[in-house]
């Protein structure tokens, strides 16, 4: 099985990626938070800092692009190639209202003919490695059959499928049966994405006879950075490992970010997921949210790791 780390805005920047790879190796590809393509748009300093290969020497990083125009893609892809990248991921899965309203992300799936023209436009002028991350439609899962017909026309590096429609957002259950159909119908290699947060989610996926050789995980790896190790049948994460990992991320952010506010914003985003690993954590979750400076935050975290234990059998 190959494992991919899905991007989460505000969390999975290079500081987090490098620390995760150091403490919990096993991710085959990390995907960077998406950038919006444009013919006149320069990368922001933050984006360039995150994408520069100097900050990603030990991880396999794939940039992700939000785009719906051929010229915008080609301009942005040329800039990414200048940075040293040889593969790019097209995001047709983001359900955010501000993204969808501009016919990007999952919003692009509404006009399949235009999507086809876009893909024809880029594949007619480049033989680059291009993967796609997609939802299965806008309102009805059966819309995927028209989409897979389009995707099969092009030599994709891989097709990453989140088997929800746009209107599901992140609610309801993924349509596993549609993913199973995709495995049979796709001429390109496919990867499953969606709701693998705990070991039991993975067990449920494979118990449904879902055949897949690749899995992309996002929230599950933020919640439990050692999840992939558990999926491979190895020991669960320990409190000591989690503490060391946390400290690596925290102190590295302190070194590069200006001001406690920026550091705490990043750490609080992580704890919104990771706190779920601890039993009886409500009091400490509230303290973390209310912390005002790094010194106060550090004291709270030290007490948390001293006072609380990881949830027993947090594979569940």
C-alpha atoms as a PDB file:
ATOM      1  CA  UNK A   1       0.000   0.000   0.000  1.00  0.00           C
ATOM      2  CA  UNK A   2       1.153   3.528  -0.794  1.00  0.00           C
ATOM      3  CA  UNK A   3       0.157   6.377   1.529  1.00  0.00           C
ATOM      4  CA  UNK A   4      -0.250  10.040   0.648  1.00  0.00           C
ATOM      5  CA  UNK A   5      -0.597  12.976   3.052  1.00  0.00           C
ATOM      6  CA  UNK A   6      -3.388  15.311   1.928  1.00  0.00           C
ATOM      7  CA  UNK A   7      -2.821  19.050   2.382  1.00  0.00           C
ATOM      8  CA  UNK A   8      -4.581  21.009   5.110  1.00  0.00           C
ATOM      9  CA  UNK A   9      -4.360  24.772   4.858  1.00  0.00           C
ATOM     10  CA  UNK A  10      -2.727  26.331   7.910  1.00  0.00           C
ATOM     11  CA  UNK A  11      -1.192  23.052   9.097  1.00  0.00           C
ATOM     12  CA  UNK A  12       0.782  21.022   6.580  1.00  0.00           C
ATOM     13  CA  UNK A  13       3.464  23.548   5.686  1.00  0.00           C
ATOM     14  CA  UNK A  14       7.094  22.502   5.347  1.00  0.00           C
ATOM     15  CA  UNK A  15       7.841  22.775   9.076  1.00  0.00           C
ATOM     16  CA  UNK A  16       5.109  20.239   9.837  1.00  0.00           C
ATOM     17  CA  UNK A  17       5.920  17.997   6.861  1.00  0.00           C
ATOM     18  CA  UNK A  18       9.605  17.726   7.751  1.00  0.00           C
ATOM     19  CA  UNK A  19       8.904  16.986  11.403  1.00  0.00           C
ATOM     20  CA  UNK A  20       6.318  14.381  10.468  1.00  0.00           C
ATOM     21  CA  UNK A  21       8.719  12.660   8.078  1.00  0.00           C
ATOM     22  CA  UNK A  22      11.456  12.674  10.720  1.00  0.00           C
ATOM     23  CA  UNK A  23       9.369  11.103  13.479  1.00  0.00           C
ATOM     24  CA  UNK A  24       6.857   9.043  11.489  1.00  0.00           C
ATOM     25  CA  UNK A  25       8.297   7.972   8.126  1.00  0.00           C
ATOM     26  CA  UNK A  26       6.040   6.038   5.783  1.00  0.00           C
ATOM     27  CA  UNK A  27       4.382   8.713   3.643  1.00  0.00           C
ATOM     28  CA  UNK A  28       5.129   8.152  -0.040  1.00  0.00           C
ATOM     29  CA  UNK A  29       3.969  11.602  -1.165  1.00  0.00           C
ATOM     30  CA  UNK A  30       3.131  14.811   0.652  1.00  0.00           C
ATOM     31  CA  UNK A  31       0.844  17.259  -1.155  1.00  0.00           C
ATOM     32  CA  UNK A  32       1.351  20.983  -0.589  1.00  0.00           C
ATOM     33  CA  UNK A  33      -1.582  23.288   0.231  1.00  0.00           C
ATOM     34  CA  UNK A  34      -3.076  24.468  -3.054  1.00  0.00           C
ATOM     35  CA  UNK A  35      -1.970  27.567  -4.909  1.00  0.00           C
ATOM     36  CA  UNK A  36      -4.316  29.491  -7.210  1.00  0.00           C
ATOM     37  CA  UNK A  37      -3.005  29.614 -10.777  1.00  0.00           C
ATOM     38  CA  UNK A  38      -2.965  32.828 -12.780  1.00  0.00           C
ATOM     39  CA  UNK A  39      -1.130  34.321 -15.763  1.00  0.00           C
ATOM     40  CA  UNK A  40      -0.121  37.442 -13.858  1.00  0.00           C
ATOM     41  CA  UNK A  41       0.032  36.078 -10.365  1.00  0.00           C
ATOM     42  CA  UNK A  42       3.370  35.747  -8.594  1.00  0.00           C
ATOM     43  CA  UNK A  43       3.821  33.256  -5.784  1.00  0.00           C
ATOM     44  CA  UNK A  44       3.538  34.884  -2.401  1.00  0.00           C
ATOM     45  CA  UNK A  45       6.609  34.863  -0.188  1.00  0.00           C
ATOM     46  CA  UNK A  46       4.865  32.307   2.036  1.00  0.00           C
ATOM     47  CA  UNK A  47       4.075  30.007  -0.901  1.00  0.00           C
ATOM     48  CA  UNK A  48       7.574  30.206  -2.325  1.00  0.00           C
ATOM     49  CA  UNK A  49       9.048  29.604   1.123  1.00  0.00           C
ATOM     50  CA  UNK A  50       6.883  26.524   1.508  1.00  0.00           C
ATOM     51  CA  UNK A  51       7.576  25.151  -1.955  1.00  0.00           C
ATOM     52  CA  UNK A  52      11.297  25.793  -2.315  1.00  0.00           C
ATOM     53  CA  UNK A  53      13.105  22.485  -2.608  1.00  0.00           C
ATOM     54  CA  UNK A  54      15.643  23.670  -0.055  1.00  0.00           C
ATOM     55  CA  UNK A  55      12.887  23.268   2.560  1.00  0.00           C
ATOM     56  CA  UNK A  56      11.687  19.918   1.209  1.00  0.00           C
ATOM     57  CA  UNK A  57      14.850  17.932   0.592  1.00  0.00           C
ATOM     58  CA  UNK A  58      13.809  14.829   2.545  1.00  0.00           C
ATOM     59  CA  UNK A  59      10.165  14.554   1.490  1.00  0.00           C
ATOM     60  CA  UNK A  60       8.503  13.776  -1.831  1.00  0.00           C
ATOM     61  CA  UNK A  61       6.367  16.893  -2.291  1.00  0.00           C
ATOM     62  CA  UNK A  62       3.714  17.428  -4.972  1.00  0.00           C
ATOM     63  CA  UNK A  63       2.405  20.978  -5.491  1.00  0.00           C
ATOM     64  CA  UNK A  64      -1.350  21.310  -5.897  1.00  0.00           C
ATOM     65  CA  UNK A  65      -3.029  23.879  -8.135  1.00  0.00           C
ATOM     66  CA  UNK A  66      -6.528  25.376  -8.287  1.00  0.00           C
ATOM     67  CA  UNK A  67      -7.178  26.318 -11.910  1.00  0.00           C
ATOM     68  CA  UNK A  68      -9.787  26.359 -14.678  1.00  0.00           C
ATOM     69  CA  UNK A  69      -7.936  28.079 -17.552  1.00  0.00           C
ATOM     70  CA  UNK A  70      -5.257  26.503 -19.744  1.00  0.00           C
ATOM     71  CA  UNK A  71      -3.056  29.601 -19.900  1.00  0.00           C
ATOM     72  CA  UNK A  72      -3.221  30.020 -16.120  1.00  0.00           C
ATOM     73  CA  UNK A  73      -2.134  26.436 -15.632  1.00  0.00           C
ATOM     74  CA  UNK A  74       0.747  26.616 -18.112  1.00  0.00           C
ATOM     75  CA  UNK A  75       2.080  29.828 -16.591  1.00  0.00           C
ATOM     76  CA  UNK A  76       1.947  28.457 -13.046  1.00  0.00           C
ATOM     77  CA  UNK A  77       3.315  25.063 -14.038  1.00  0.00           C
ATOM     78  CA  UNK A  78       6.293  26.715 -15.740  1.00  0.00           C
ATOM     79  CA  UNK A  79       7.006  28.590 -12.514  1.00  0.00           C
ATOM     80  CA  UNK A  80       6.769  25.354 -10.519  1.00  0.00           C
ATOM     81  CA  UNK A  81       9.130  23.647 -12.933  1.00  0.00           C
ATOM     82  CA  UNK A  82      11.564  26.533 -12.432  1.00  0.00           C
ATOM     83  CA  UNK A  83      11.492  25.638  -8.728  1.00  0.00           C
ATOM     84  CA  UNK A  84      12.448  22.068  -9.648  1.00  0.00           C
ATOM     85  CA  UNK A  85       9.119  20.193  -9.685  1.00  0.00           C
ATOM     86  CA  UNK A  86       8.366  17.414 -12.137  1.00  0.00           C
ATOM     87  CA  UNK A  87       4.801  16.575 -11.079  1.00  0.00           C
ATOM     88  CA  UNK A  88       1.722  18.665 -10.290  1.00  0.00           C
ATOM     89  CA  UNK A  89      -1.729  17.874  -8.917  1.00  0.00           C
ATOM     90  CA  UNK A  90      -4.921  19.508 -10.201  1.00  0.00           C
ATOM     91  CA  UNK A  91      -7.490  20.103  -7.472  1.00  0.00           C
ATOM     92  CA  UNK A  92     -11.037  19.344  -8.646  1.00  0.00           C
ATOM     93  CA  UNK A  93     -12.156  18.370  -5.167  1.00  0.00           C
ATOM     94  CA  UNK A  94     -12.242  21.444  -2.929  1.00  0.00           C
ATOM     95  CA  UNK A  95     -15.876  22.148  -1.900  1.00  0.00           C
ATOM     96  CA  UNK A  96     -15.262  25.589  -0.333  1.00  0.00           C
ATOM     97  CA  UNK A  97     -17.908  28.095  -1.370  1.00  0.00           C
ATOM     98  CA  UNK A  98     -15.391  30.794  -2.290  1.00  0.00           C
ATOM     99  CA  UNK A  99     -13.547  28.303  -4.514  1.00  0.00           C
ATOM    100  CA  UNK A 100     -16.644  26.755  -6.102  1.00  0.00           C
ATOM    101  CA  UNK A 101     -18.190  30.157  -6.887  1.00  0.00           C
ATOM    102  CA  UNK A 102     -15.242  30.821  -9.221  1.00  0.00           C
ATOM    103  CA  UNK A 103     -15.716  27.465 -10.982  1.00  0.00           C
ATOM    104  CA  UNK A 104     -12.573  26.060  -9.421  1.00  0.00           C
ATOM    105  CA  UNK A 105     -12.059  22.982  -7.283  1.00  0.00           C
ATOM    106  CA  UNK A 106     -15.180  20.813  -7.249  1.00  0.00           C
ATOM    107  CA  UNK A 107     -17.027  23.683  -8.913  1.00  0.00           C
ATOM    108  CA  UNK A 108     -15.275  22.856 -12.195  1.00  0.00           C
ATOM    109  CA  UNK A 109     -17.106  19.496 -12.295  1.00  0.00           C
ATOM    110  CA  UNK A 110     -20.393  21.241 -13.069  1.00  0.00           C
ATOM    111  CA  UNK A 111     -19.394  21.726 -16.718  1.00  0.00           C
ATOM    112  CA  UNK A 112     -17.910  18.439 -17.881  1.00  0.00           C
ATOM    113  CA  UNK A 113     -17.475  19.611 -21.476  1.00  0.00           C
ATOM    114  CA  UNK A 114     -15.460  22.610 -20.323  1.00  0.00           C
ATOM    115  CA  UNK A 115     -13.425  20.353 -18.042  1.00  0.00           C
ATOM    116  CA  UNK A 116     -12.702  18.117 -21.031  1.00  0.00           C
ATOM    117  CA  UNK A 117     -11.617  21.119 -23.149  1.00  0.00           C
ATOM    118  CA  UNK A 118      -9.330  22.266 -20.331  1.00  0.00           C
ATOM    119  CA  UNK A 119      -7.635  18.884 -20.016  1.00  0.00           C
ATOM    120  CA  UNK A 120      -7.300  18.576 -23.785  1.00  0.00           C
ATOM    121  CA  UNK A 121      -5.719  22.011 -23.837  1.00  0.00           C
ATOM    122  CA  UNK A 122      -3.014  21.193 -21.316  1.00  0.00           C
ATOM    123  CA  UNK A 123      -2.256  17.644 -22.436  1.00  0.00           C
ATOM    124  CA  UNK A 124      -1.928  18.788 -26.053  1.00  0.00           C
ATOM    125  CA  UNK A 125       1.030  20.989 -25.154  1.00  0.00           C
ATOM    126  CA  UNK A 126       2.744  19.172 -22.284  1.00  0.00           C
ATOM    127  CA  UNK A 127       3.758  15.620 -21.432  1.00  0.00           C
ATOM    128  CA  UNK A 128       4.382  16.509 -17.783  1.00  0.00           C
ATOM    129  CA  UNK A 129       3.327  14.294 -14.898  1.00  0.00           C
ATOM    130  CA  UNK A 130      -0.142  15.556 -13.979  1.00  0.00           C
ATOM    131  CA  UNK A 131      -2.411  13.960 -11.395  1.00  0.00           C
ATOM    132  CA  UNK A 132      -5.978  14.898 -10.508  1.00  0.00           C
ATOM    133  CA  UNK A 133      -7.760  14.968  -7.166  1.00  0.00           C
ATOM    134  CA  UNK A 134     -11.502  14.885  -7.780  1.00  0.00           C
ATOM    135  CA  UNK A 135     -14.911  14.492  -6.253  1.00  0.00           C
ATOM    136  CA  UNK A 136     -17.433  12.298  -8.058  1.00  0.00           C
ATOM    137  CA  UNK A 137     -19.871  15.007  -9.110  1.00  0.00           C
ATOM    138  CA  UNK A 138     -21.982  17.930  -7.984  1.00  0.00           C
ATOM    139  CA  UNK A 139     -25.256  16.430  -6.755  1.00  0.00           C
ATOM    140  CA  UNK A 140     -25.524  12.780  -7.805  1.00  0.00           C
ATOM    141  CA  UNK A 141     -22.876  10.056  -7.460  1.00  0.00           C
ATOM    142  CA  UNK A 142     -23.839   8.707 -10.890  1.00  0.00           C
ATOM    143  CA  UNK A 143     -22.333  11.858 -12.413  1.00  0.00           C
ATOM    144  CA  UNK A 144     -18.987  10.138 -11.962  1.00  0.00           C
ATOM    145  CA  UNK A 145     -19.579   7.891 -14.967  1.00  0.00           C
ATOM    146  CA  UNK A 146     -19.414  10.906 -17.264  1.00  0.00           C
ATOM    147  CA  UNK A 147     -16.349  12.214 -15.420  1.00  0.00           C
ATOM    148  CA  UNK A 148     -14.427   8.944 -15.661  1.00  0.00           C
ATOM    149  CA  UNK A 149     -15.081   8.887 -19.403  1.00  0.00           C
ATOM    150  CA  UNK A 150     -13.316  12.266 -19.619  1.00  0.00           C
ATOM    151  CA  UNK A 151     -10.463  11.353 -17.285  1.00  0.00           C
ATOM    152  CA  UNK A 152      -9.801   8.156 -19.242  1.00  0.00           C
ATOM    153  CA  UNK A 153      -8.991  10.226 -22.334  1.00  0.00           C
ATOM    154  CA  UNK A 154      -5.794  11.562 -20.754  1.00  0.00           C
ATOM    155  CA  UNK A 155      -2.534   9.994 -19.485  1.00  0.00           C
ATOM    156  CA  UNK A 156      -2.814  10.982 -15.826  1.00  0.00           C
ATOM    157  CA  UNK A 157      -0.037  10.230 -13.382  1.00  0.00           C
ATOM    158  CA  UNK A 158      -2.866   9.096 -11.104  1.00  0.00           C
ATOM    159  CA  UNK A 159      -6.483   9.844 -10.257  1.00  0.00           C
ATOM    160  CA  UNK A 160      -7.142  10.565  -6.576  1.00  0.00           C
ATOM    161  CA  UNK A 161     -10.839  10.099  -5.853  1.00  0.00           C
ATOM    162  CA  UNK A 162     -12.768  11.508  -2.905  1.00  0.00           C
ATOM    163  CA  UNK A 163     -16.046   9.613  -3.404  1.00  0.00           C
ATOM    164  CA  UNK A 164     -18.391  12.373  -2.283  1.00  0.00           C
ATOM    165  CA  UNK A 165     -20.328  14.849  -4.409  1.00  0.00           C
ATOM    166  CA  UNK A 166     -19.945  18.585  -3.937  1.00  0.00           C
ATOM    167  CA  UNK A 167     -23.254  18.975  -2.097  1.00  0.00           C
ATOM    168  CA  UNK A 168     -22.072  16.434   0.521  1.00  0.00           C
ATOM    169  CA  UNK A 169     -19.260  18.802   1.527  1.00  0.00           C
ATOM    170  CA  UNK A 170     -17.692  16.610   4.262  1.00  0.00           C
ATOM    171  CA  UNK A 171     -20.989  15.157   5.502  1.00  0.00           C
ATOM    172  CA  UNK A 172     -22.657  11.834   4.740  1.00  0.00           C
ATOM    173  CA  UNK A 173     -20.675   8.709   4.001  1.00  0.00           C
ATOM    174  CA  UNK A 174     -18.275   8.372   1.080  1.00  0.00           C
ATOM    175  CA  UNK A 175     -19.758   6.401  -1.817  1.00  0.00           C
ATOM    176  CA  UNK A 176     -17.457   3.386  -1.622  1.00  0.00           C
ATOM    177  CA  UNK A 177     -19.346   1.606  -4.395  1.00  0.00           C
ATOM    178  CA  UNK A 178     -18.482   4.411  -6.802  1.00  0.00           C
ATOM    179  CA  UNK A 179     -14.815   4.116  -5.897  1.00  0.00           C
ATOM    180  CA  UNK A 180     -15.006   0.385  -6.529  1.00  0.00           C
ATOM    181  CA  UNK A 181     -16.470   1.141  -9.952  1.00  0.00           C
ATOM    182  CA  UNK A 182     -13.668   3.617 -10.578  1.00  0.00           C
ATOM    183  CA  UNK A 183     -11.052   0.942  -9.878  1.00  0.00           C
ATOM    184  CA  UNK A 184     -12.640  -1.185 -12.607  1.00  0.00           C
ATOM    185  CA  UNK A 185     -13.255   1.599 -15.125  1.00  0.00           C
ATOM    186  CA  UNK A 186     -10.224   3.861 -14.812  1.00  0.00           C
ATOM    187  CA  UNK A 187      -7.442   3.572 -17.369  1.00  0.00           C
ATOM    188  CA  UNK A 188      -5.247   5.492 -14.943  1.00  0.00           C
ATOM    189  CA  UNK A 189      -3.938   4.431 -11.547  1.00  0.00           C
ATOM    190  CA  UNK A 190      -6.393   5.390  -8.778  1.00  0.00           C
ATOM    191  CA  UNK A 191      -6.010   6.427  -5.149  1.00  0.00           C
ATOM    192  CA  UNK A 192      -8.706   6.474  -2.435  1.00  0.00           C
ATOM    193  CA  UNK A 193      -9.294   9.589  -0.314  1.00  0.00           C
ATOM    194  CA  UNK A 194     -11.934  10.207   2.327  1.00  0.00           C
ATOM    195  CA  UNK A 195     -12.666   9.673   6.032  1.00  0.00           C
ATOM    196  CA  UNK A 196      -9.664   7.534   7.008  1.00  0.00           C
ATOM    197  CA  UNK A 197      -9.339   9.094  10.448  1.00  0.00           C
ATOM    198  CA  UNK A 198      -8.863   6.013  12.617  1.00  0.00           C
ATOM    199  CA  UNK A 199      -7.645   2.470  12.130  1.00  0.00           C
ATOM    200  CA  UNK A 200     -11.274   1.294  12.230  1.00  0.00           C
ATOM    201  CA  UNK A 201     -12.054   3.468   9.178  1.00  0.00           C
ATOM    202  CA  UNK A 202      -9.311   1.703   7.226  1.00  0.00           C
ATOM    203  CA  UNK A 203     -10.511  -1.694   8.457  1.00  0.00           C
ATOM    204  CA  UNK A 204     -14.043  -0.820   7.374  1.00  0.00           C
ATOM    205  CA  UNK A 205     -12.832   0.217   3.939  1.00  0.00           C
ATOM    206  CA  UNK A 206     -10.973  -3.016   3.245  1.00  0.00           C
ATOM    207  CA  UNK A 207     -13.725  -5.144   4.815  1.00  0.00           C
ATOM    208  CA  UNK A 208     -16.051  -3.766   2.125  1.00  0.00           C
ATOM    209  CA  UNK A 209     -13.844  -5.550  -0.409  1.00  0.00           C
ATOM    210  CA  UNK A 210     -12.623  -2.180  -1.623  1.00  0.00           C
ATOM    211  CA  UNK A 211      -9.549  -2.875  -3.709  1.00  0.00           C
ATOM    212  CA  UNK A 212      -7.024  -0.043  -3.647  1.00  0.00           C
ATOM    213  CA  UNK A 213      -3.258   0.211  -3.723  1.00  0.00           C
ATOM    214  CA  UNK A 214      -3.066   3.850  -2.635  1.00  0.00           C
ATOM    215  CA  UNK A 215      -4.714   5.856   0.138  1.00  0.00           C
ATOM    216  CA  UNK A 216      -4.596   9.611   0.746  1.00  0.00           C
ATOM    217  CA  UNK A 217      -5.159  10.688   4.356  1.00  0.00           C
ATOM    218  CA  UNK A 218      -5.540  14.210   5.734  1.00  0.00           C
ATOM    219  CA  UNK A 219      -7.338  14.790   9.032  1.00  0.00           C
ATOM    220  CA  UNK A 220      -6.472  11.299  10.273  1.00  0.00           C
ATOM    221  CA  UNK A 221      -2.745  12.015  10.124  1.00  0.00           C
ATOM    222  CA  UNK A 222      -3.144  15.368  11.866  1.00  0.00           C
ATOM    223  CA  UNK A 223      -5.144  13.679  14.604  1.00  0.00           C
ATOM    224  CA  UNK A 224      -2.691  10.790  14.900  1.00  0.00           C
ATOM    225  CA  UNK A 225       0.685  11.420  13.222  1.00  0.00           C
ATOM    226  CA  UNK A 226       1.554   7.730  13.666  1.00  0.00           C
ATOM    227  CA  UNK A 227      -1.566   6.423  11.926  1.00  0.00           C
ATOM    228  CA  UNK A 228       0.236   4.946   8.921  1.00  0.00           C
ATOM    229  CA  UNK A 229       2.418   2.894  11.213  1.00  0.00           C
ATOM    230  CA  UNK A 230      -0.722   1.437  12.771  1.00  0.00           C
ATOM    231  CA  UNK A 231      -2.247   0.714   9.357  1.00  0.00           C
ATOM    232  CA  UNK A 232       0.882  -1.319   8.641  1.00  0.00           C
ATOM    233  CA  UNK A 233       0.290  -3.405  11.778  1.00  0.00           C
ATOM    234  CA  UNK A 234       3.047  -1.783  13.835  1.00  0.00           C
ATOM    235  CA  UNK A 235       2.810  -0.401  17.424  1.00  0.00           C
ATOM    236  CA  UNK A 236       0.614   2.590  18.168  1.00  0.00           C
ATOM    237  CA  UNK A 237       2.119   5.989  18.856  1.00  0.00           C
ATOM    238  CA  UNK A 238       3.410   6.606  22.396  1.00  0.00           C
ATOM    239  CA  UNK A 239       2.953   9.727  24.475  1.00  0.00           C
ATOM    240  CA  UNK A 240       6.720  10.270  24.501  1.00  0.00           C
ATOM    241  CA  UNK A 241       6.897  10.168  20.701  1.00  0.00           C
ATOM    242  CA  UNK A 242       4.008  12.583  20.391  1.00  0.00           C
ATOM    243  CA  UNK A 243       5.614  14.985  22.881  1.00  0.00           C
ATOM    244  CA  UNK A 244       8.918  14.989  20.980  1.00  0.00           C
ATOM    245  CA  UNK A 245       7.129  15.476  17.667  1.00  0.00           C
ATOM    246  CA  UNK A 246       5.088  18.348  19.078  1.00  0.00           C
ATOM    247  CA  UNK A 247       8.178  20.059  20.432  1.00  0.00           C
ATOM    248  CA  UNK A 248       9.966  19.785  17.091  1.00  0.00           C
ATOM    249  CA  UNK A 249       7.071  21.487  15.299  1.00  0.00           C
ATOM    250  CA  UNK A 250       6.583  24.105  18.026  1.00  0.00           C
ATOM    251  CA  UNK A 251      10.214  25.167  18.373  1.00  0.00           C
ATOM    252  CA  UNK A 252      10.790  25.205  14.624  1.00  0.00           C
ATOM    253  CA  UNK A 253       7.795  27.495  14.208  1.00  0.00           C
ATOM    254  CA  UNK A 254       9.094  29.722  16.985  1.00  0.00           C
ATOM    255  CA  UNK A 255      12.354  30.019  15.095  1.00  0.00           C
ATOM    256  CA  UNK A 256      10.890  31.132  11.767  1.00  0.00           C
ATOM    257  CA  UNK A 257       7.641  32.933  12.619  1.00  0.00           C
ATOM    258  CA  UNK A 258       7.409  36.455  13.949  1.00  0.00           C
ATOM    259  CA  UNK A 259       5.441  36.865  17.148  1.00  0.00           C
ATOM    260  CA  UNK A 260       3.681  34.487  19.502  1.00  0.00           C
ATOM    261  CA  UNK A 261       0.344  35.031  17.788  1.00  0.00           C
ATOM    262  CA  UNK A 262       1.511  33.453  14.529  1.00  0.00           C
ATOM    263  CA  UNK A 263       3.086  30.481  16.311  1.00  0.00           C
ATOM    264  CA  UNK A 264       0.020  29.859  18.451  1.00  0.00           C
ATOM    265  CA  UNK A 265      -2.290  30.059  15.442  1.00  0.00           C
ATOM    266  CA  UNK A 266      -0.439  27.158  13.820  1.00  0.00           C
ATOM    267  CA  UNK A 267      -0.260  25.081  17.002  1.00  0.00           C
ATOM    268  CA  UNK A 268      -3.910  25.604  17.895  1.00  0.00           C
ATOM    269  CA  UNK A 269      -4.895  24.408  14.420  1.00  0.00           C
ATOM    270  CA  UNK A 270      -2.950  21.185  15.023  1.00  0.00           C
ATOM    271  CA  UNK A 271      -4.433  20.664  18.483  1.00  0.00           C
ATOM    272  CA  UNK A 272      -7.975  21.005  17.104  1.00  0.00           C
ATOM    273  CA  UNK A 273      -7.339  17.509  15.697  1.00  0.00           C
ATOM    274  CA  UNK A 274      -4.594  16.009  17.878  1.00  0.00           C
ATOM    275  CA  UNK A 275      -6.311  16.613  21.230  1.00  0.00           C
ATOM    276  CA  UNK A 276      -8.676  13.762  20.352  1.00  0.00           C
ATOM    277  CA  UNK A 277      -5.869  11.292  21.143  1.00  0.00           C
ATOM    278  CA  UNK A 278      -6.058  12.144  24.849  1.00  0.00           C
ATOM    279  CA  UNK A 279      -8.637  10.966  27.358  1.00  0.00           C
ATOM    280  CA  UNK A 280     -10.584  13.540  29.404  1.00  0.00           C
ATOM    281  CA  UNK A 281      -9.046  16.352  27.397  1.00  0.00           C
ATOM    282  CA  UNK A 282     -11.825  18.963  27.500  1.00  0.00           C
ATOM    283  CA  UNK A 283     -10.214  21.151  30.172  1.00  0.00           C
ATOM    284  CA  UNK A 284      -6.891  21.245  28.398  1.00  0.00           C
ATOM    285  CA  UNK A 285      -8.465  21.808  24.990  1.00  0.00           C
ATOM    286  CA  UNK A 286     -10.102  24.931  26.371  1.00  0.00           C
ATOM    287  CA  UNK A 287      -6.842  26.125  27.927  1.00  0.00           C
ATOM    288  CA  UNK A 288      -4.988  25.670  24.634  1.00  0.00           C
ATOM    289  CA  UNK A 289      -7.635  27.650  22.756  1.00  0.00           C
ATOM    290  CA  UNK A 290      -7.420  30.498  25.278  1.00  0.00           C
ATOM    291  CA  UNK A 291      -3.614  30.656  25.558  1.00  0.00           C
ATOM    292  CA  UNK A 292      -2.250  34.121  24.748  1.00  0.00           C
ATOM    293  CA  UNK A 293       1.518  33.668  24.503  1.00  0.00           C
ATOM    294  CA  UNK A 294       4.080  30.929  23.939  1.00  0.00           C
ATOM    295  CA  UNK A 295       5.204  30.780  27.552  1.00  0.00           C
ATOM    296  CA  UNK A 296       1.650  30.170  28.773  1.00  0.00           C
ATOM    297  CA  UNK A 297       1.069  27.680  25.969  1.00  0.00           C
ATOM    298  CA  UNK A 298       4.235  25.734  26.824  1.00  0.00           C
ATOM    299  CA  UNK A 299       3.168  25.397  30.436  1.00  0.00           C
ATOM    300  CA  UNK A 300      -0.234  24.090  29.370  1.00  0.00           C
ATOM    301  CA  UNK A 301       1.278  21.508  27.027  1.00  0.00           C
ATOM    302  CA  UNK A 302       3.769  20.318  29.634  1.00  0.00           C
ATOM    303  CA  UNK A 303       0.939  19.819  32.113  1.00  0.00           C
ATOM    304  CA  UNK A 304      -1.230  18.087  29.498  1.00  0.00           C
ATOM    305  CA  UNK A 305       1.410  15.475  28.726  1.00  0.00           C
ATOM    306  CA  UNK A 306       2.081  14.977  32.450  1.00  0.00           C
ATOM    307  CA  UNK A 307      -1.551  14.688  33.535  1.00  0.00           C
ATOM    308  CA  UNK A 308      -3.321  12.944  30.661  1.00  0.00           C
ATOM    309  CA  UNK A 309      -2.927   9.576  28.979  1.00  0.00           C
ATOM    310  CA  UNK A 310      -3.560   8.590  25.402  1.00  0.00           C
ATOM    311  CA  UNK A 311      -6.959   7.041  24.804  1.00  0.00           C
ATOM    312  CA  UNK A 312      -6.684   3.305  25.318  1.00  0.00           C
ATOM    313  CA  UNK A 313      -6.713   1.458  22.034  1.00  0.00           C
ATOM    314  CA  UNK A 314      -7.081   4.697  20.083  1.00  0.00           C
ATOM    315  CA  UNK A 315      -7.220   2.578  16.966  1.00  0.00           C
ATOM    316  CA  UNK A 316     -10.951   2.635  17.483  1.00  0.00           C
END
